[in-house]
Amino acid sequence: MSLVLFLHVFSCIFLTGLIWTIQLVHYPSFHWIADNRFEAFARFHAQRITYIVGPMMLLELGTALGLIYLLPHQRLFTIGNGLLVIGIWMSTLGFSIPCHSKLQKSRDPKTIDRLIITNWPRTILWTVRTALLSLFFMDQLGGQI
């Protein structure tokens, strides 16, 4: 088992747990923040969550690319996995970041709802990836446990 595979699985599982917390608790709680404090809260959230999500997503992307190179005999799986990672990045850049940028300027319940709705693809993609990677990881261990 390679360190790259371990770090990839770790980052995916970590981000899956985080995204479910964000999706079910954190983003819906945006509706409860008072208008006079919302912009400061939104800036605080975006800045602080980036410290957690940014490095982990970069680790996940880098190790996904590494797996394509390191596991040539598993190319179908590693390329498919990489495409799912790219889907997460596209959703993040295309939907999540624009919503957060708008919310840092003003509280808008429709934008909060859009953030919640458009976060579902990332939540589902990370969940599917965790399931597939867990099976792949166990297969790669092949009784080494």
N, C-alpha and C. Protein backbone atom coordinates (compact mmCIF):
# COMPACT_ATOMS: atom_id res chain seq x y z
N MET A 1 0.85 -1.19 0.00
CA MET A 1 0.00 0.00 0.00
C MET A 1 0.89 1.24 0.00
N SER A 2 0.55 2.20 -0.81
CA SER A 2 1.38 3.40 -0.90
C SER A 2 0.86 4.50 0.02
N LEU A 3 1.77 5.37 0.41
CA LEU A 3 1.42 6.53 1.21
C LEU A 3 0.46 7.44 0.44
N VAL A 4 0.65 7.53 -0.86
CA VAL A 4 -0.23 8.36 -1.70
C VAL A 4 -1.67 7.87 -1.62
N LEU A 5 -1.87 6.55 -1.72
CA LEU A 5 -3.22 6.00 -1.62
C LEU A 5 -3.81 6.26 -0.24
N PHE A 6 -3.02 6.04 0.79
CA PHE A 6 -3.50 6.29 2.16
C PHE A 6 -3.92 7.75 2.33
N LEU A 7 -3.08 8.69 1.90
CA LEU A 7 -3.41 10.11 2.04
C LEU A 7 -4.62 10.49 1.21
N HIS A 8 -4.78 9.85 0.06
CA HIS A 8 -5.94 10.13 -0.78
C HIS A 8 -7.23 9.67 -0.10
N VAL A 9 -7.21 8.46 0.40
CA VAL A 9 -8.39 7.94 1.10
C VAL A 9 -8.68 8.79 2.34
N PHE A 10 -7.64 9.12 3.10
CA PHE A 10 -7.81 9.95 4.29
C PHE A 10 -8.45 11.28 3.95
N SER A 11 -7.92 11.97 2.93
CA SER A 11 -8.46 13.29 2.58
C SER A 11 -9.91 13.19 2.13
N CYS A 12 -10.24 12.15 1.39
CA CYS A 12 -11.62 11.98 0.92
C CYS A 12 -12.58 11.72 2.08
N ILE A 13 -12.19 10.83 2.98
CA ILE A 13 -13.05 10.55 4.14
C ILE A 13 -13.20 11.79 5.01
N PHE A 14 -12.11 12.51 5.24
CA PHE A 14 -12.15 13.74 6.03
C PHE A 14 -13.12 14.74 5.40
N LEU A 15 -12.97 14.97 4.10
CA LEU A 15 -13.82 15.95 3.42
C LEU A 15 -15.27 15.50 3.34
N THR A 16 -15.50 14.20 3.27
CA THR A 16 -16.88 13.69 3.27
C THR A 16 -17.56 13.98 4.60
N GLY A 17 -16.87 13.72 5.69
CA GLY A 17 -17.43 14.03 7.01
C GLY A 17 -17.69 15.52 7.16
N LEU A 18 -16.74 16.31 6.71
CA LEU A 18 -16.88 17.76 6.81
C LEU A 18 -18.05 18.26 5.96
N ILE A 19 -18.18 17.77 4.74
CA ILE A 19 -19.23 18.28 3.85
C ILE A 19 -20.62 17.92 4.37
N TRP A 20 -20.77 16.74 4.99
CA TRP A 20 -22.07 16.40 5.57
C TRP A 20 -22.41 17.32 6.74
N THR A 21 -21.43 17.68 7.55
CA THR A 21 -21.65 18.61 8.65
C THR A 21 -22.04 19.98 8.10
N ILE A 22 -21.31 20.42 7.09
CA ILE A 22 -21.61 21.71 6.45
C ILE A 22 -23.02 21.69 5.86
N GLN A 23 -23.35 20.60 5.15
CA GLN A 23 -24.62 20.52 4.42
C GLN A 23 -25.82 20.47 5.35
N LEU A 24 -25.73 19.69 6.42
CA LEU A 24 -26.89 19.47 7.28
C LEU A 24 -26.99 20.44 8.46
N VAL A 25 -25.86 21.02 8.87
CA VAL A 25 -25.87 21.87 10.06
C VAL A 25 -25.44 23.30 9.73
N HIS A 26 -24.25 23.42 9.16
CA HIS A 26 -23.64 24.74 9.05
C HIS A 26 -24.36 25.65 8.04
N TYR A 27 -24.52 25.21 6.80
CA TYR A 27 -25.18 26.08 5.82
C TYR A 27 -26.62 26.42 6.22
N PRO A 28 -27.43 25.46 6.69
CA PRO A 28 -28.78 25.85 7.13
C PRO A 28 -28.77 26.86 8.28
N SER A 29 -27.71 26.83 9.11
CA SER A 29 -27.65 27.78 10.22
C SER A 29 -27.42 29.22 9.74
N PHE A 30 -27.01 29.40 8.49
CA PHE A 30 -26.85 30.75 7.95
C PHE A 30 -28.16 31.53 8.03
N HIS A 31 -29.28 30.83 7.96
CA HIS A 31 -30.58 31.49 8.05
C HIS A 31 -30.82 32.09 9.44
N TRP A 32 -30.12 31.64 10.44
CA TRP A 32 -30.33 32.06 11.82
C TRP A 32 -29.43 33.23 12.25
N ILE A 33 -28.51 33.63 11.40
CA ILE A 33 -27.60 34.72 11.75
C ILE A 33 -28.33 36.05 11.52
N ALA A 34 -28.25 36.93 12.52
CA ALA A 34 -28.92 38.23 12.44
C ALA A 34 -28.38 39.05 11.27
N ASP A 35 -29.27 39.83 10.68
CA ASP A 35 -28.90 40.66 9.52
C ASP A 35 -27.70 41.55 9.81
N ASN A 36 -27.69 42.17 10.99
CA ASN A 36 -26.63 43.13 11.31
C ASN A 36 -25.27 42.48 11.56
N ARG A 37 -25.23 41.15 11.64
CA ARG A 37 -23.97 40.45 11.87
C ARG A 37 -23.61 39.51 10.71
N PHE A 38 -24.49 39.42 9.73
CA PHE A 38 -24.32 38.39 8.72
C PHE A 38 -23.08 38.58 7.85
N GLU A 39 -22.85 39.77 7.35
CA GLU A 39 -21.71 39.98 6.45
C GLU A 39 -20.39 39.64 7.14
N ALA A 40 -20.24 40.06 8.40
CA ALA A 40 -19.02 39.74 9.16
C ALA A 40 -18.93 38.23 9.37
N PHE A 41 -20.06 37.60 9.67
CA PHE A 41 -20.08 36.15 9.85
C PHE A 41 -19.67 35.44 8.55
N ALA A 42 -20.22 35.88 7.43
CA ALA A 42 -19.93 35.24 6.14
C ALA A 42 -18.45 35.37 5.78
N ARG A 43 -17.86 36.54 6.06
CA ARG A 43 -16.42 36.71 5.81
C ARG A 43 -15.61 35.80 6.72
N PHE A 44 -16.00 35.75 8.00
CA PHE A 44 -15.32 34.88 8.96
C PHE A 44 -15.39 33.42 8.52
N HIS A 45 -16.59 32.98 8.14
CA HIS A 45 -16.77 31.60 7.69
C HIS A 45 -15.88 31.29 6.49
N ALA A 46 -15.95 32.13 5.47
CA ALA A 46 -15.19 31.87 4.24
C ALA A 46 -13.70 31.81 4.51
N GLN A 47 -13.22 32.72 5.34
CA GLN A 47 -11.79 32.74 5.65
C GLN A 47 -11.37 31.51 6.44
N ARG A 48 -12.10 31.19 7.48
CA ARG A 48 -11.70 30.09 8.36
C ARG A 48 -11.89 28.71 7.73
N ILE A 49 -12.97 28.52 6.98
CA ILE A 49 -13.21 27.21 6.38
C ILE A 49 -12.17 26.93 5.30
N THR A 50 -11.68 27.99 4.67
CA THR A 50 -10.64 27.82 3.64
C THR A 50 -9.37 27.24 4.24
N TYR A 51 -9.06 27.57 5.49
CA TYR A 51 -7.87 27.01 6.15
C TYR A 51 -7.98 25.49 6.29
N ILE A 52 -9.19 24.99 6.39
CA ILE A 52 -9.41 23.54 6.53
C ILE A 52 -9.60 22.90 5.16
N VAL A 53 -10.52 23.44 4.39
CA VAL A 53 -10.90 22.82 3.12
C VAL A 53 -9.81 22.96 2.06
N GLY A 54 -9.19 24.11 1.98
CA GLY A 54 -8.20 24.37 0.93
C GLY A 54 -7.07 23.34 0.90
N PRO A 55 -6.33 23.18 2.00
CA PRO A 55 -5.24 22.20 1.99
C PRO A 55 -5.71 20.77 1.75
N MET A 56 -6.87 20.42 2.30
CA MET A 56 -7.35 19.05 2.13
C MET A 56 -7.79 18.79 0.69
N MET A 57 -8.44 19.77 0.06
CA MET A 57 -8.82 19.60 -1.35
C MET A 57 -7.59 19.55 -2.26
N LEU A 58 -6.57 20.34 -1.94
CA LEU A 58 -5.34 20.28 -2.72
C LEU A 58 -4.64 18.94 -2.54
N LEU A 59 -4.64 18.43 -1.30
CA LEU A 59 -4.07 17.10 -1.04
C LEU A 59 -4.84 16.04 -1.82
N GLU A 60 -6.15 16.14 -1.80
CA GLU A 60 -6.99 15.18 -2.51
C GLU A 60 -6.73 15.23 -4.02
N LEU A 61 -6.64 16.43 -4.57
CA LEU A 61 -6.38 16.58 -6.01
C LEU A 61 -4.99 16.05 -6.37
N GLY A 62 -4.00 16.43 -5.59
CA GLY A 62 -2.63 15.99 -5.87
C GLY A 62 -2.47 14.49 -5.78
N THR A 63 -3.07 13.88 -4.77
CA THR A 63 -2.96 12.43 -4.63
C THR A 63 -3.79 11.70 -5.68
N ALA A 64 -4.90 12.30 -6.13
CA ALA A 64 -5.68 11.69 -7.22
C ALA A 64 -4.83 11.63 -8.48
N LEU A 65 -4.12 12.71 -8.77
CA LEU A 65 -3.22 12.72 -9.93
C LEU A 65 -2.07 11.72 -9.74
N GLY A 66 -1.56 11.67 -8.51
CA GLY A 66 -0.49 10.72 -8.21
C GLY A 66 -0.90 9.28 -8.41
N LEU A 67 -2.13 8.96 -8.05
CA LEU A 67 -2.62 7.58 -8.20
C LEU A 67 -2.72 7.18 -9.67
N ILE A 68 -3.07 8.12 -10.53
CA ILE A 68 -3.13 7.81 -11.96
C ILE A 68 -1.75 7.38 -12.44
N TYR A 69 -0.73 8.05 -11.97
CA TYR A 69 0.65 7.73 -12.36
C TYR A 69 1.16 6.47 -11.66
N LEU A 70 0.88 6.34 -10.36
CA LEU A 70 1.45 5.25 -9.57
C LEU A 70 0.76 3.90 -9.75
N LEU A 71 -0.49 3.91 -10.20
CA LEU A 71 -1.25 2.67 -10.35
C LEU A 71 -1.70 2.49 -11.80
N PRO A 72 -0.75 2.31 -12.72
CA PRO A 72 -1.13 2.19 -14.13
C PRO A 72 -2.01 0.98 -14.42
N HIS A 73 -1.92 -0.05 -13.60
CA HIS A 73 -2.74 -1.25 -13.79
C HIS A 73 -4.19 -1.03 -13.32
N GLN A 74 -4.45 0.09 -12.67
CA GLN A 74 -5.80 0.43 -12.20
C GLN A 74 -6.28 1.73 -12.86
N ARG A 75 -5.86 1.94 -14.09
CA ARG A 75 -6.09 3.21 -14.78
C ARG A 75 -7.57 3.58 -14.87
N LEU A 76 -8.45 2.64 -15.16
CA LEU A 76 -9.88 2.94 -15.26
C LEU A 76 -10.39 3.52 -13.95
N PHE A 77 -10.03 2.88 -12.84
CA PHE A 77 -10.48 3.36 -11.53
C PHE A 77 -9.87 4.72 -11.21
N THR A 78 -8.56 4.85 -11.40
CA THR A 78 -7.90 6.09 -10.99
C THR A 78 -8.32 7.29 -11.85
N ILE A 79 -8.56 7.06 -13.14
CA ILE A 79 -9.04 8.16 -13.99
C ILE A 79 -10.48 8.51 -13.63
N GLY A 80 -11.32 7.50 -13.41
CA GLY A 80 -12.69 7.76 -12.98
C GLY A 80 -12.73 8.53 -11.67
N ASN A 81 -11.88 8.13 -10.74
CA ASN A 81 -11.77 8.82 -9.46
C ASN A 81 -11.33 10.27 -9.67
N GLY A 82 -10.34 10.46 -10.54
CA GLY A 82 -9.87 11.81 -10.84
C GLY A 82 -10.95 12.68 -11.45
N LEU A 83 -11.77 12.10 -12.31
CA LEU A 83 -12.88 12.85 -12.91
C LEU A 83 -13.90 13.27 -11.85
N LEU A 84 -14.15 12.41 -10.87
CA LEU A 84 -15.06 12.78 -9.78
C LEU A 84 -14.48 13.93 -8.96
N VAL A 85 -13.17 13.89 -8.72
CA VAL A 85 -12.51 14.99 -8.01
C VAL A 85 -12.66 16.29 -8.80
N ILE A 86 -12.46 16.22 -10.11
CA ILE A 86 -12.62 17.40 -10.95
C ILE A 86 -14.06 17.91 -10.88
N GLY A 87 -15.04 16.99 -10.83
CA GLY A 87 -16.43 17.40 -10.66
C GLY A 87 -16.66 18.18 -9.38
N ILE A 88 -16.02 17.75 -8.31
CA ILE A 88 -16.13 18.46 -7.03
C ILE A 88 -15.53 19.86 -7.16
N TRP A 89 -14.36 19.95 -7.77
CA TRP A 89 -13.72 21.25 -7.97
C TRP A 89 -14.59 22.17 -8.83
N MET A 90 -15.17 21.63 -9.89
CA MET A 90 -16.02 22.44 -10.77
C MET A 90 -17.24 22.97 -10.02
N SER A 91 -17.84 22.12 -9.19
CA SER A 91 -18.99 22.54 -8.40
C SER A 91 -18.58 23.61 -7.38
N THR A 92 -17.42 23.42 -6.78
CA THR A 92 -16.92 24.39 -5.80
C THR A 92 -16.69 25.74 -6.46
N LEU A 93 -15.98 25.73 -7.58
CA LEU A 93 -15.65 26.98 -8.27
C LEU A 93 -16.86 27.61 -8.95
N GLY A 94 -17.76 26.78 -9.45
CA GLY A 94 -18.90 27.30 -10.21
C GLY A 94 -20.10 27.70 -9.37
N PHE A 95 -20.26 27.09 -8.21
CA PHE A 95 -21.45 27.36 -7.39
C PHE A 95 -21.11 27.86 -5.99
N SER A 96 -20.31 27.11 -5.25
CA SER A 96 -20.08 27.44 -3.84
C SER A 96 -19.37 28.77 -3.66
N ILE A 97 -18.25 28.96 -4.34
CA ILE A 97 -17.49 30.20 -4.16
C ILE A 97 -18.30 31.43 -4.59
N PRO A 98 -19.00 31.40 -5.73
CA PRO A 98 -19.83 32.57 -6.07
C PRO A 98 -20.91 32.87 -5.02
N CYS A 99 -21.54 31.84 -4.47
CA CYS A 99 -22.54 32.06 -3.42
C CYS A 99 -21.90 32.70 -2.19
N HIS A 100 -20.75 32.17 -1.78
CA HIS A 100 -20.06 32.73 -0.61
C HIS A 100 -19.65 34.18 -0.87
N SER A 101 -19.18 34.47 -2.06
CA SER A 101 -18.78 35.85 -2.40
C SER A 101 -19.98 36.79 -2.29
N LYS A 102 -21.11 36.37 -2.79
CA LYS A 102 -22.32 37.19 -2.73
C LYS A 102 -22.77 37.39 -1.28
N LEU A 103 -22.70 36.32 -0.48
CA LEU A 103 -23.15 36.41 0.91
C LEU A 103 -22.23 37.28 1.76
N GLN A 104 -20.98 37.43 1.37
CA GLN A 104 -20.07 38.30 2.12
C GLN A 104 -20.42 39.78 1.92
N LYS A 105 -21.20 40.07 0.89
CA LYS A 105 -21.61 41.45 0.61
C LYS A 105 -22.96 41.79 1.23
N SER A 106 -23.86 40.79 1.29
CA SER A 106 -25.17 41.03 1.90
C SER A 106 -25.87 39.70 2.19
N ARG A 107 -26.69 39.72 3.21
CA ARG A 107 -27.48 38.54 3.58
C ARG A 107 -28.63 38.42 2.60
N ASP A 108 -28.73 37.27 1.97
CA ASP A 108 -29.80 37.03 1.00
C ASP A 108 -30.30 35.60 1.19
N PRO A 109 -31.51 35.42 1.74
CA PRO A 109 -32.03 34.07 1.97
C PRO A 109 -32.05 33.20 0.71
N LYS A 110 -32.30 33.80 -0.45
CA LYS A 110 -32.31 33.00 -1.69
C LYS A 110 -30.91 32.49 -2.02
N THR A 111 -29.89 33.29 -1.75
CA THR A 111 -28.52 32.84 -1.99
C THR A 111 -28.12 31.76 -1.00
N ILE A 112 -28.59 31.88 0.23
CA ILE A 112 -28.34 30.83 1.22
C ILE A 112 -28.98 29.53 0.75
N ASP A 113 -30.22 29.61 0.30
CA ASP A 113 -30.90 28.41 -0.21
C ASP A 113 -30.17 27.84 -1.43
N ARG A 114 -29.70 28.72 -2.30
CA ARG A 114 -28.94 28.27 -3.48
C ARG A 114 -27.65 27.58 -3.05
N LEU A 115 -26.99 28.12 -2.05
CA LEU A 115 -25.77 27.51 -1.54
C LEU A 115 -26.06 26.10 -1.03
N ILE A 116 -27.14 25.94 -0.30
CA ILE A 116 -27.51 24.63 0.24
C ILE A 116 -27.85 23.66 -0.90
N ILE A 117 -28.66 24.10 -1.84
CA ILE A 117 -29.08 23.22 -2.94
C ILE A 117 -27.90 22.84 -3.84
N THR A 118 -27.07 23.82 -4.17
CA THR A 118 -25.95 23.53 -5.08
C THR A 118 -24.80 22.82 -4.39
N ASN A 119 -24.87 22.68 -3.07
CA ASN A 119 -23.85 21.92 -2.35
C ASN A 119 -24.14 20.42 -2.38
N TRP A 120 -25.36 20.03 -2.73
CA TRP A 120 -25.69 18.60 -2.78
C TRP A 120 -24.82 17.81 -3.75
N PRO A 121 -24.52 18.32 -4.95
CA PRO A 121 -23.64 17.53 -5.83
C PRO A 121 -22.28 17.22 -5.19
N ARG A 122 -21.68 18.20 -4.49
CA ARG A 122 -20.40 17.94 -3.82
C ARG A 122 -20.58 16.90 -2.72
N THR A 123 -21.66 17.03 -1.97
CA THR A 123 -21.93 16.09 -0.88
C THR A 123 -22.07 14.68 -1.43
N ILE A 124 -22.83 14.54 -2.51
CA ILE A 124 -23.04 13.21 -3.12
C ILE A 124 -21.74 12.68 -3.73
N LEU A 125 -21.01 13.53 -4.46
CA LEU A 125 -19.76 13.07 -5.08
C LEU A 125 -18.76 12.61 -4.03
N TRP A 126 -18.60 13.37 -2.95
CA TRP A 126 -17.66 12.94 -1.91
C TRP A 126 -18.13 11.65 -1.23
N THR A 127 -19.42 11.51 -1.04
CA THR A 127 -19.95 10.30 -0.41
C THR A 127 -19.72 9.08 -1.30
N VAL A 128 -20.01 9.22 -2.58
CA VAL A 128 -19.78 8.12 -3.54
C VAL A 128 -18.29 7.79 -3.60
N ARG A 129 -17.46 8.81 -3.64
CA ARG A 129 -16.01 8.57 -3.68
C ARG A 129 -15.53 7.85 -2.42
N THR A 130 -16.05 8.22 -1.27
CA THR A 130 -15.65 7.54 -0.04
C THR A 130 -16.01 6.06 -0.10
N ALA A 131 -17.21 5.75 -0.58
CA ALA A 131 -17.62 4.35 -0.68
C ALA A 131 -16.72 3.60 -1.66
N LEU A 132 -16.51 4.16 -2.85
CA LEU A 132 -15.68 3.49 -3.86
C LEU A 132 -14.23 3.37 -3.41
N LEU A 133 -13.70 4.44 -2.84
CA LEU A 133 -12.31 4.39 -2.38
C LEU A 133 -12.12 3.42 -1.22
N SER A 134 -13.11 3.32 -0.35
CA SER A 134 -13.02 2.36 0.75
C SER A 134 -12.94 0.94 0.22
N LEU A 135 -13.77 0.62 -0.75
CA LEU A 135 -13.73 -0.71 -1.37
C LEU A 135 -12.40 -0.93 -2.08
N PHE A 136 -11.94 0.06 -2.81
CA PHE A 136 -10.67 -0.03 -3.53
C PHE A 136 -9.51 -0.21 -2.55
N PHE A 137 -9.53 0.56 -1.48
CA PHE A 137 -8.48 0.50 -0.46
C PHE A 137 -8.44 -0.89 0.18
N MET A 138 -9.60 -1.42 0.52
CA MET A 138 -9.66 -2.76 1.12
C MET A 138 -9.15 -3.81 0.13
N ASP A 139 -9.49 -3.66 -1.13
CA ASP A 139 -9.01 -4.58 -2.16
C ASP A 139 -7.49 -4.50 -2.29
N GLN A 140 -6.95 -3.29 -2.22
CA GLN A 140 -5.51 -3.12 -2.33
C GLN A 140 -4.78 -3.71 -1.13
N LEU A 141 -5.42 -3.66 0.03
CA LEU A 141 -4.81 -4.27 1.22
C LEU A 141 -4.78 -5.78 1.09
N GLY A 142 -5.80 -6.34 0.46
CA GLY A 142 -5.86 -7.77 0.16
C GLY A 142 -5.47 -8.69 1.30
N GLY A 143 -6.07 -8.50 2.45
CA GLY A 143 -5.79 -9.41 3.56
C GLY A 143 -4.60 -9.01 4.41
N GLN A 144 -4.08 -7.81 4.22
CA GLN A 144 -2.94 -7.35 5.02
C GLN A 144 -3.35 -6.84 6.38
N ILE A 145 -4.64 -6.85 6.66
CA ILE A 145 -5.12 -6.36 7.95
C ILE A 145 -4.92 -7.43 9.00
